[in-house]
Amino acid sequence: MADEAKAMSLAHKRWILEFMKQQPDMKCSYDTIVQEGEKHHCDTLAAMLKLLKRDKVLAYNQIFLMYPMHKDVEVTLINPDYVVA
């Protein structure tokens, strides 16, 4: 089960990174990411974003994003060369 959870986490990080690379100026609202996350059945999106923020891949001005409270917060990809491994 732990291996399955790790694989799911890596897959979510990969789609988030690819999605952010496609955004104008590599920025978008948290709401935009949430809508994309629905397509990927991601129920751990806020945690994935927090991990990517900790790894200095993403930047946003909250400690932890909650939906819909922070839906308008801008999320920026600051390290597009990051490799999810």
PDB file of N, CA and C in Angstrom:
ATOM      1  N   MET A   1       0.815  -1.197   0.000  1.00  0.00           N
ATOM      2  CA  MET A   1       0.000   0.000   0.000  1.00  0.00           C
ATOM      3  C   MET A   1       0.859   1.262   0.000  1.00  0.00           C
ATOM      4  N   ALA A   2       1.945   1.241   0.735  1.00  0.00           N
ATOM      5  CA  ALA A   2       2.813   2.425   0.795  1.00  0.00           C
ATOM      6  C   ALA A   2       3.410   2.736  -0.576  1.00  0.00           C
ATOM      7  N   ASP A   3       3.802   1.707  -1.316  1.00  0.00           N
ATOM      8  CA  ASP A   3       4.354   1.912  -2.654  1.00  0.00           C
ATOM      9  C   ASP A   3       3.303   2.501  -3.589  1.00  0.00           C
ATOM     10  N   GLU A   4       2.067   2.040  -3.440  1.00  0.00           N
ATOM     11  CA  GLU A   4       0.970   2.551  -4.261  1.00  0.00           C
ATOM     12  C   GLU A   4       0.708   4.024  -3.957  1.00  0.00           C
ATOM     13  N   ALA A   5       0.727   4.386  -2.691  1.00  0.00           N
ATOM     14  CA  ALA A   5       0.509   5.778  -2.289  1.00  0.00           C
ATOM     15  C   ALA A   5       1.635   6.672  -2.799  1.00  0.00           C
ATOM     16  N   LYS A   6       2.858   6.184  -2.736  1.00  0.00           N
ATOM     17  CA  LYS A   6       3.997   6.955  -3.229  1.00  0.00           C
ATOM     18  C   LYS A   6       3.889   7.169  -4.739  1.00  0.00           C
ATOM     19  N   ALA A   7       3.510   6.133  -5.456  1.00  0.00           N
ATOM     20  CA  ALA A   7       3.347   6.236  -6.906  1.00  0.00           C
ATOM     21  C   ALA A   7       2.258   7.244  -7.258  1.00  0.00           C
ATOM     22  N   MET A   8       1.160   7.239  -6.498  1.00  0.00           N
ATOM     23  CA  MET A   8       0.066   8.180  -6.734  1.00  0.00           C
ATOM     24  C   MET A   8       0.525   9.610  -6.466  1.00  0.00           C
ATOM     25  N   SER A   9       1.283   9.795  -5.405  1.00  0.00           N
ATOM     26  CA  SER A   9       1.809  11.116  -5.065  1.00  0.00           C
ATOM     27  C   SER A   9       2.717  11.648  -6.175  1.00  0.00           C
ATOM     28  N   LEU A  10       3.595  10.801  -6.680  1.00  0.00           N
ATOM     29  CA  LEU A  10       4.490  11.203  -7.763  1.00  0.00           C
ATOM     30  C   LEU A  10       3.707  11.544  -9.032  1.00  0.00           C
ATOM     31  N   ALA A  11       2.687  10.758  -9.331  1.00  0.00           N
ATOM     32  CA  ALA A  11       1.859  11.024 -10.514  1.00  0.00           C
ATOM     33  C   ALA A  11       1.152  12.366 -10.387  1.00  0.00           C
ATOM     34  N   HIS A  12       0.649  12.665  -9.206  1.00  0.00           N
ATOM     35  CA  HIS A  12      -0.017  13.952  -8.994  1.00  0.00           C
ATOM     36  C   HIS A  12       0.973  15.112  -9.138  1.00  0.00           C
ATOM     37  N   LYS A  13       2.143  14.962  -8.578  1.00  0.00           N
ATOM     38  CA  LYS A  13       3.147  16.023  -8.708  1.00  0.00           C
ATOM     39  C   LYS A  13       3.516  16.246 -10.177  1.00  0.00           C
ATOM     40  N   ARG A  14       3.583  15.164 -10.937  1.00  0.00           N
ATOM     41  CA  ARG A  14       3.937  15.290 -12.356  1.00  0.00           C
ATOM     42  C   ARG A  14       2.885  16.055 -13.138  1.00  0.00           C
ATOM     43  N   TRP A  15       1.600  15.735 -12.934  1.00  0.00           N
ATOM     44  CA  TRP A  15       0.587  16.457 -13.704  1.00  0.00           C
ATOM     45  C   TRP A  15       0.520  17.917 -13.264  1.00  0.00           C
ATOM     46  N   ILE A  16       0.726  18.178 -11.969  1.00  0.00           N
ATOM     47  CA  ILE A  16       0.717  19.569 -11.497  1.00  0.00           C
ATOM     48  C   ILE A  16       1.833  20.350 -12.183  1.00  0.00           C
ATOM     49  N   LEU A  17       3.027  19.782 -12.220  1.00  0.00           N
ATOM     50  CA  LEU A  17       4.160  20.453 -12.842  1.00  0.00           C
ATOM     51  C   LEU A  17       3.902  20.699 -14.329  1.00  0.00           C
ATOM     52  N   GLU A  18       3.412  19.701 -15.030  1.00  0.00           N
ATOM     53  CA  GLU A  18       3.129  19.863 -16.462  1.00  0.00           C
ATOM     54  C   GLU A  18       2.017  20.885 -16.694  1.00  0.00           C
ATOM     55  N   PHE A  19       0.999  20.855 -15.860  1.00  0.00           N
ATOM     56  CA  PHE A  19      -0.098  21.809 -15.976  1.00  0.00           C
ATOM     57  C   PHE A  19       0.397  23.240 -15.780  1.00  0.00           C
ATOM     58  N   MET A  20       1.234  23.433 -14.765  1.00  0.00           N
ATOM     59  CA  MET A  20       1.746  24.782 -14.481  1.00  0.00           C
ATOM     60  C   MET A  20       2.630  25.288 -15.617  1.00  0.00           C
ATOM     61  N   LYS A  21       3.359  24.419 -16.261  1.00  0.00           N
ATOM     62  CA  LYS A  21       4.205  24.823 -17.391  1.00  0.00           C
ATOM     63  C   LYS A  21       3.371  25.346 -18.557  1.00  0.00           C
ATOM     64  N   GLN A  22       2.130  24.905 -18.659  1.00  0.00           N
ATOM     65  CA  GLN A  22       1.249  25.315 -19.747  1.00  0.00           C
ATOM     66  C   GLN A  22       0.540  26.639 -19.491  1.00  0.00           C
ATOM     67  N   GLN A  23       0.607  27.135 -18.268  1.00  0.00           N
ATOM     68  CA  GLN A  23      -0.122  28.361 -17.916  1.00  0.00           C
ATOM     69  C   GLN A  23       0.639  29.597 -18.386  1.00  0.00           C
ATOM     70  N   PRO A  24      -0.104  30.650 -18.771  1.00  0.00           N
ATOM     71  CA  PRO A  24       0.564  31.906 -19.151  1.00  0.00           C
ATOM     72  C   PRO A  24       1.455  32.397 -18.006  1.00  0.00           C
ATOM     73  N   ASP A  25       2.690  32.700 -18.314  1.00  0.00           N
ATOM     74  CA  ASP A  25       3.676  33.146 -17.317  1.00  0.00           C
ATOM     75  C   ASP A  25       3.878  32.143 -16.189  1.00  0.00           C
ATOM     76  N   MET A  26       3.467  30.890 -16.419  1.00  0.00           N
ATOM     77  CA  MET A  26       3.577  29.822 -15.415  1.00  0.00           C
ATOM     78  C   MET A  26       2.906  30.209 -14.103  1.00  0.00           C
ATOM     79  N   LYS A  27       1.750  30.912 -14.199  1.00  0.00           N
ATOM     80  CA  LYS A  27       0.967  31.337 -13.037  1.00  0.00           C
ATOM     81  C   LYS A  27      -0.500  31.055 -13.295  1.00  0.00           C
ATOM     82  N   CYS A  28      -1.215  30.745 -12.226  1.00  0.00           N
ATOM     83  CA  CYS A  28      -2.669  30.624 -12.314  1.00  0.00           C
ATOM     84  C   CYS A  28      -3.248  30.652 -10.906  1.00  0.00           C
ATOM     85  N   SER A  29      -4.560  30.741 -10.835  1.00  0.00           N
ATOM     86  CA  SER A  29      -5.224  30.748  -9.534  1.00  0.00           C
ATOM     87  C   SER A  29      -5.299  29.324  -8.973  1.00  0.00           C
ATOM     88  N   TYR A  30      -5.431  29.256  -7.678  1.00  0.00           N
ATOM     89  CA  TYR A  30      -5.624  27.955  -7.027  1.00  0.00           C
ATOM     90  C   TYR A  30      -6.883  27.296  -7.579  1.00  0.00           C
ATOM     91  N   ASP A  31      -7.915  28.083  -7.845  1.00  0.00           N
ATOM     92  CA  ASP A  31      -9.162  27.548  -8.394  1.00  0.00           C
ATOM     93  C   ASP A  31      -8.901  26.829  -9.717  1.00  0.00           C
ATOM     94  N   THR A  32      -8.067  27.386 -10.568  1.00  0.00           N
ATOM     95  CA  THR A  32      -7.740  26.770 -11.849  1.00  0.00           C
ATOM     96  C   THR A  32      -7.077  25.414 -11.637  1.00  0.00           C
ATOM     97  N   ILE A  33      -6.189  25.336 -10.660  1.00  0.00           N
ATOM     98  CA  ILE A  33      -5.511  24.062 -10.365  1.00  0.00           C
ATOM     99  C   ILE A  33      -6.502  23.057  -9.791  1.00  0.00           C
ATOM    100  N   VAL A  34      -7.406  23.528  -8.935  1.00  0.00           N
ATOM    101  CA  VAL A  34      -8.426  22.639  -8.363  1.00  0.00           C
ATOM    102  C   VAL A  34      -9.286  22.043  -9.474  1.00  0.00           C
ATOM    103  N   GLN A  35      -9.680  22.861 -10.433  1.00  0.00           N
ATOM    104  CA  GLN A  35     -10.505  22.359 -11.542  1.00  0.00           C
ATOM    105  C   GLN A  35      -9.755  21.285 -12.336  1.00  0.00           C
ATOM    106  N   GLU A  36      -8.463  21.513 -12.578  1.00  0.00           N
ATOM    107  CA  GLU A  36      -7.658  20.497 -13.267  1.00  0.00           C
ATOM    108  C   GLU A  36      -7.510  19.258 -12.391  1.00  0.00           C
ATOM    109  N   GLY A  37      -7.337  19.448 -11.092  1.00  0.00           N
ATOM    110  CA  GLY A  37      -7.197  18.332 -10.168  1.00  0.00           C
ATOM    111  C   GLY A  37      -8.404  17.417 -10.170  1.00  0.00           C
ATOM    112  N   GLU A  38      -9.586  17.976 -10.398  1.00  0.00           N
ATOM    113  CA  GLU A  38     -10.804  17.162 -10.480  1.00  0.00           C
ATOM    114  C   GLU A  38     -10.695  16.167 -11.630  1.00  0.00           C
ATOM    115  N   LYS A  39     -10.080  16.574 -12.712  1.00  0.00           N
ATOM    116  CA  LYS A  39      -9.919  15.688 -13.873  1.00  0.00           C
ATOM    117  C   LYS A  39      -8.995  14.512 -13.558  1.00  0.00           C
ATOM    118  N   HIS A  40      -8.092  14.722 -12.595  1.00  0.00           N
ATOM    119  CA  HIS A  40      -7.109  13.701 -12.220  1.00  0.00           C
ATOM    120  C   HIS A  40      -7.503  12.965 -10.939  1.00  0.00           C
ATOM    121  N   HIS A  41      -8.719  13.236 -10.461  1.00  0.00           N
ATOM    122  CA  HIS A  41      -9.230  12.594  -9.240  1.00  0.00           C
ATOM    123  C   HIS A  41      -8.259  12.770  -8.075  1.00  0.00           C
ATOM    124  N   CYS A  42      -7.733  13.991  -7.952  1.00  0.00           N
ATOM    125  CA  CYS A  42      -6.741  14.287  -6.916  1.00  0.00           C
ATOM    126  C   CYS A  42      -7.433  14.825  -5.669  1.00  0.00           C
ATOM    127  N   ASP A  43      -7.468  14.017  -4.622  1.00  0.00           N
ATOM    128  CA  ASP A  43      -8.076  14.465  -3.369  1.00  0.00           C
ATOM    129  C   ASP A  43      -7.024  14.933  -2.361  1.00  0.00           C
ATOM    130  N   THR A  44      -5.777  15.034  -2.798  1.00  0.00           N
ATOM    131  CA  THR A  44      -4.695  15.489  -1.926  1.00  0.00           C
ATOM    132  C   THR A  44      -3.989  16.716  -2.520  1.00  0.00           C
ATOM    133  N   LEU A  45      -4.710  17.481  -3.326  1.00  0.00           N
ATOM    134  CA  LEU A  45      -4.091  18.574  -4.059  1.00  0.00           C
ATOM    135  C   LEU A  45      -3.385  19.576  -3.154  1.00  0.00           C
ATOM    136  N   ALA A  46      -4.045  20.038  -2.107  1.00  0.00           N
ATOM    137  CA  ALA A  46      -3.427  21.041  -1.233  1.00  0.00           C
ATOM    138  C   ALA A  46      -2.123  20.522  -0.633  1.00  0.00           C
ATOM    139  N   ALA A  47      -2.108  19.249  -0.261  1.00  0.00           N
ATOM    140  CA  ALA A  47      -0.886  18.655   0.289  1.00  0.00           C
ATOM    141  C   ALA A  47       0.212  18.572  -0.770  1.00  0.00           C
ATOM    142  N   MET A  48      -0.166  18.207  -1.995  1.00  0.00           N
ATOM    143  CA  MET A  48       0.823  18.138  -3.080  1.00  0.00           C
ATOM    144  C   MET A  48       1.415  19.525  -3.349  1.00  0.00           C
ATOM    145  N   LEU A  49       0.570  20.540  -3.357  1.00  0.00           N
ATOM    146  CA  LEU A  49       1.062  21.902  -3.580  1.00  0.00           C
ATOM    147  C   LEU A  49       1.984  22.335  -2.455  1.00  0.00           C
ATOM    148  N   LYS A  50       1.640  21.984  -1.225  1.00  0.00           N
ATOM    149  CA  LYS A  50       2.490  22.336  -0.090  1.00  0.00           C
ATOM    150  C   LYS A  50       3.856  21.664  -0.206  1.00  0.00           C
ATOM    151  N   LEU A  51       3.883  20.414  -0.623  1.00  0.00           N
ATOM    152  CA  LEU A  51       5.165  19.716  -0.800  1.00  0.00           C
ATOM    153  C   LEU A  51       5.986  20.372  -1.903  1.00  0.00           C
ATOM    154  N   LEU A  52       5.346  20.751  -2.996  1.00  0.00           N
ATOM    155  CA  LEU A  52       6.062  21.413  -4.082  1.00  0.00           C
ATOM    156  C   LEU A  52       6.526  22.807  -3.669  1.00  0.00           C
ATOM    157  N   LYS A  53       5.779  23.451  -2.805  1.00  0.00           N
ATOM    158  CA  LYS A  53       6.214  24.755  -2.272  1.00  0.00           C
ATOM    159  C   LYS A  53       7.431  24.551  -1.371  1.00  0.00           C
ATOM    160  N   ARG A  54       7.390  23.542  -0.531  1.00  0.00           N
ATOM    161  CA  ARG A  54       8.512  23.241   0.364  1.00  0.00           C
ATOM    162  C   ARG A  54       9.787  22.968  -0.431  1.00  0.00           C
ATOM    163  N   ASP A  55       9.623  22.308  -1.578  1.00  0.00           N
ATOM    164  CA  ASP A  55      10.766  21.985  -2.437  1.00  0.00           C
ATOM    165  C   ASP A  55      11.153  23.130  -3.365  1.00  0.00           C
ATOM    166  N   LYS A  56      10.530  24.293  -3.163  1.00  0.00           N
ATOM    167  CA  LYS A  56      10.825  25.514  -3.933  1.00  0.00           C
ATOM    168  C   LYS A  56      10.564  25.337  -5.434  1.00  0.00           C
ATOM    169  N   VAL A  57       9.467  24.640  -5.724  1.00  0.00           N
ATOM    170  CA  VAL A  57       9.019  24.454  -7.102  1.00  0.00           C
ATOM    171  C   VAL A  57       7.889  25.430  -7.403  1.00  0.00           C
ATOM    172  N   LEU A  58       7.006  25.611  -6.427  1.00  0.00           N
ATOM    173  CA  LEU A  58       5.884  26.534  -6.538  1.00  0.00           C
ATOM    174  C   LEU A  58       6.001  27.619  -5.482  1.00  0.00           C
ATOM    175  N   ALA A  59       5.339  28.741  -5.753  1.00  0.00           N
ATOM    176  CA  ALA A  59       5.285  29.823  -4.769  1.00  0.00           C
ATOM    177  C   ALA A  59       3.850  30.330  -4.691  1.00  0.00           C
ATOM    178  N   TYR A  60       3.410  30.594  -3.479  1.00  0.00           N
ATOM    179  CA  TYR A  60       2.127  31.251  -3.219  1.00  0.00           C
ATOM    180  C   TYR A  60       2.205  31.824  -1.816  1.00  0.00           C
ATOM    181  N   ASN A  61       1.305  32.765  -1.504  1.00  0.00           N
ATOM    182  CA  ASN A  61       1.458  33.546  -0.279  1.00  0.00           C
ATOM    183  C   ASN A  61       0.701  33.018   0.938  1.00  0.00           C
ATOM    184  N   GLN A  62       0.259  31.800   0.914  1.00  0.00           N
ATOM    185  CA  GLN A  62      -0.397  31.191   2.063  1.00  0.00           C
ATOM    186  C   GLN A  62       0.462  30.048   2.589  1.00  0.00           C
ATOM    187  N   ILE A  63       0.252  29.684   3.845  1.00  0.00           N
ATOM    188  CA  ILE A  63       0.964  28.529   4.392  1.00  0.00           C
ATOM    189  C   ILE A  63       0.372  27.246   3.811  1.00  0.00           C
ATOM    190  N   PHE A  64      -0.946  27.173   3.768  1.00  0.00           N
ATOM    191  CA  PHE A  64      -1.665  26.011   3.255  1.00  0.00           C
ATOM    192  C   PHE A  64      -2.903  26.513   2.540  1.00  0.00           C
ATOM    193  N   LEU A  65      -3.133  26.037   1.336  1.00  0.00           N
ATOM    194  CA  LEU A  65      -4.278  26.490   0.557  1.00  0.00           C
ATOM    195  C   LEU A  65      -5.507  25.653   0.889  1.00  0.00           C
ATOM    196  N   MET A  66      -6.616  26.353   1.152  1.00  0.00           N
ATOM    197  CA  MET A  66      -7.891  25.687   1.408  1.00  0.00           C
ATOM    198  C   MET A  66      -8.905  26.198   0.397  1.00  0.00           C
ATOM    199  N   TYR A  67      -9.728  25.273  -0.060  1.00  0.00           N
ATOM    200  CA  TYR A  67     -10.720  25.610  -1.070  1.00  0.00           C
ATOM    201  C   TYR A  67     -12.104  25.610  -0.439  1.00  0.00           C
ATOM    202  N   PRO A  68     -12.914  26.624  -0.684  1.00  0.00           N
ATOM    203  CA  PRO A  68     -12.783  27.723  -1.636  1.00  0.00           C
ATOM    204  C   PRO A  68     -12.172  29.002  -1.046  1.00  0.00           C
ATOM    205  N   MET A  69     -11.786  28.970   0.217  1.00  0.00           N
ATOM    206  CA  MET A  69     -11.275  30.178   0.873  1.00  0.00           C
ATOM    207  C   MET A  69     -10.154  30.850   0.078  1.00  0.00           C
ATOM    208  N   HIS A  70      -9.236  30.078  -0.452  1.00  0.00           N
ATOM    209  CA  HIS A  70      -8.072  30.637  -1.145  1.00  0.00           C
ATOM    210  C   HIS A  70      -8.144  30.462  -2.666  1.00  0.00           C
ATOM    211  N   LYS A  71      -9.340  30.322  -3.205  1.00  0.00           N
ATOM    212  CA  LYS A  71      -9.485  30.012  -4.640  1.00  0.00           C
ATOM    213  C   LYS A  71      -8.846  31.050  -5.545  1.00  0.00           C
ATOM    214  N   ASP A  72      -8.739  32.303  -5.096  1.00  0.00           N
ATOM    215  CA  ASP A  72      -8.171  33.355  -5.932  1.00  0.00           C
ATOM    216  C   ASP A  72      -6.671  33.573  -5.734  1.00  0.00           C
ATOM    217  N   VAL A  73      -6.052  32.799  -4.857  1.00  0.00           N
ATOM    218  CA  VAL A  73      -4.614  32.934  -4.612  1.00  0.00           C
ATOM    219  C   VAL A  73      -3.851  32.526  -5.871  1.00  0.00           C
ATOM    220  N   GLU A  74      -2.882  33.343  -6.235  1.00  0.00           N
ATOM    221  CA  GLU A  74      -2.063  33.042  -7.405  1.00  0.00           C
ATOM    222  C   GLU A  74      -0.945  32.071  -7.034  1.00  0.00           C
ATOM    223  N   VAL A  75      -0.815  31.027  -7.822  1.00  0.00           N
ATOM    224  CA  VAL A  75       0.240  30.027  -7.650  1.00  0.00           C
ATOM    225  C   VAL A  75       1.188  30.182  -8.833  1.00  0.00           C
ATOM    226  N   THR A  76       2.493  30.224  -8.546  1.00  0.00           N
ATOM    227  CA  THR A  76       3.497  30.447  -9.579  1.00  0.00           C
ATOM    228  C   THR A  76       4.491  29.295  -9.597  1.00  0.00           C
ATOM    229  N   LEU A  77       4.789  28.824 -10.786  1.00  0.00           N
ATOM    230  CA  LEU A  77       5.841  27.826 -10.970  1.00  0.00           C
ATOM    231  C   LEU A  77       7.170  28.566 -11.015  1.00  0.00           C
ATOM    232  N   ILE A  78       8.018  28.345 -10.020  1.00  0.00           N
ATOM    233  CA  ILE A  78       9.292  29.067  -9.954  1.00  0.00           C
ATOM    234  C   ILE A  78      10.490  28.202 -10.339  1.00  0.00           C
ATOM    235  N   ASN A  79      10.274  26.900 -10.477  1.00  0.00           N
ATOM    236  CA  ASN A  79      11.353  26.001 -10.882  1.00  0.00           C
ATOM    237  C   ASN A  79      10.830  25.017 -11.936  1.00  0.00           C
ATOM    238  N   PRO A  80      10.679  25.486 -13.195  1.00  0.00           N
ATOM    239  CA  PRO A  80      10.132  24.610 -14.223  1.00  0.00           C
ATOM    240  C   PRO A  80      11.034  23.434 -14.597  1.00  0.00           C
ATOM    241  N   ASP A  81      12.282  23.461 -14.169  1.00  0.00           N
ATOM    242  CA  ASP A  81      13.211  22.380 -14.473  1.00  0.00           C
ATOM    243  C   ASP A  81      13.213  21.266 -13.424  1.00  0.00           C
ATOM    244  N   TYR A  82      12.374  21.416 -12.389  1.00  0.00           N
ATOM    245  CA  TYR A  82      12.297  20.425 -11.339  1.00  0.00           C
ATOM    246  C   TYR A  82      11.895  19.075 -11.924  1.00  0.00           C
ATOM    247  N   VAL A  83      12.557  18.025 -11.460  1.00  0.00           N
ATOM    248  CA  VAL A  83      12.266  16.674 -11.918  1.00  0.00           C
ATOM    249  C   VAL A  83      11.617  15.916 -10.764  1.00  0.00           C
ATOM    250  N   VAL A  84      10.420  15.444 -10.985  1.00  0.00           N
ATOM    251  CA  VAL A  84       9.706  14.653  -9.977  1.00  0.00           C
ATOM    252  C   VAL A  84      10.298  13.247 -10.006  1.00  0.00           C
ATOM    253  N   ALA A  85      10.843  12.850  -8.878  1.00  0.00           N
ATOM    254  CA  ALA A  85      11.455  11.507  -8.818  1.00  0.00           C
ATOM    255  C   ALA A  85      11.104  10.798  -7.539  1.00  0.00           C
TER     256      ALA A  85
END
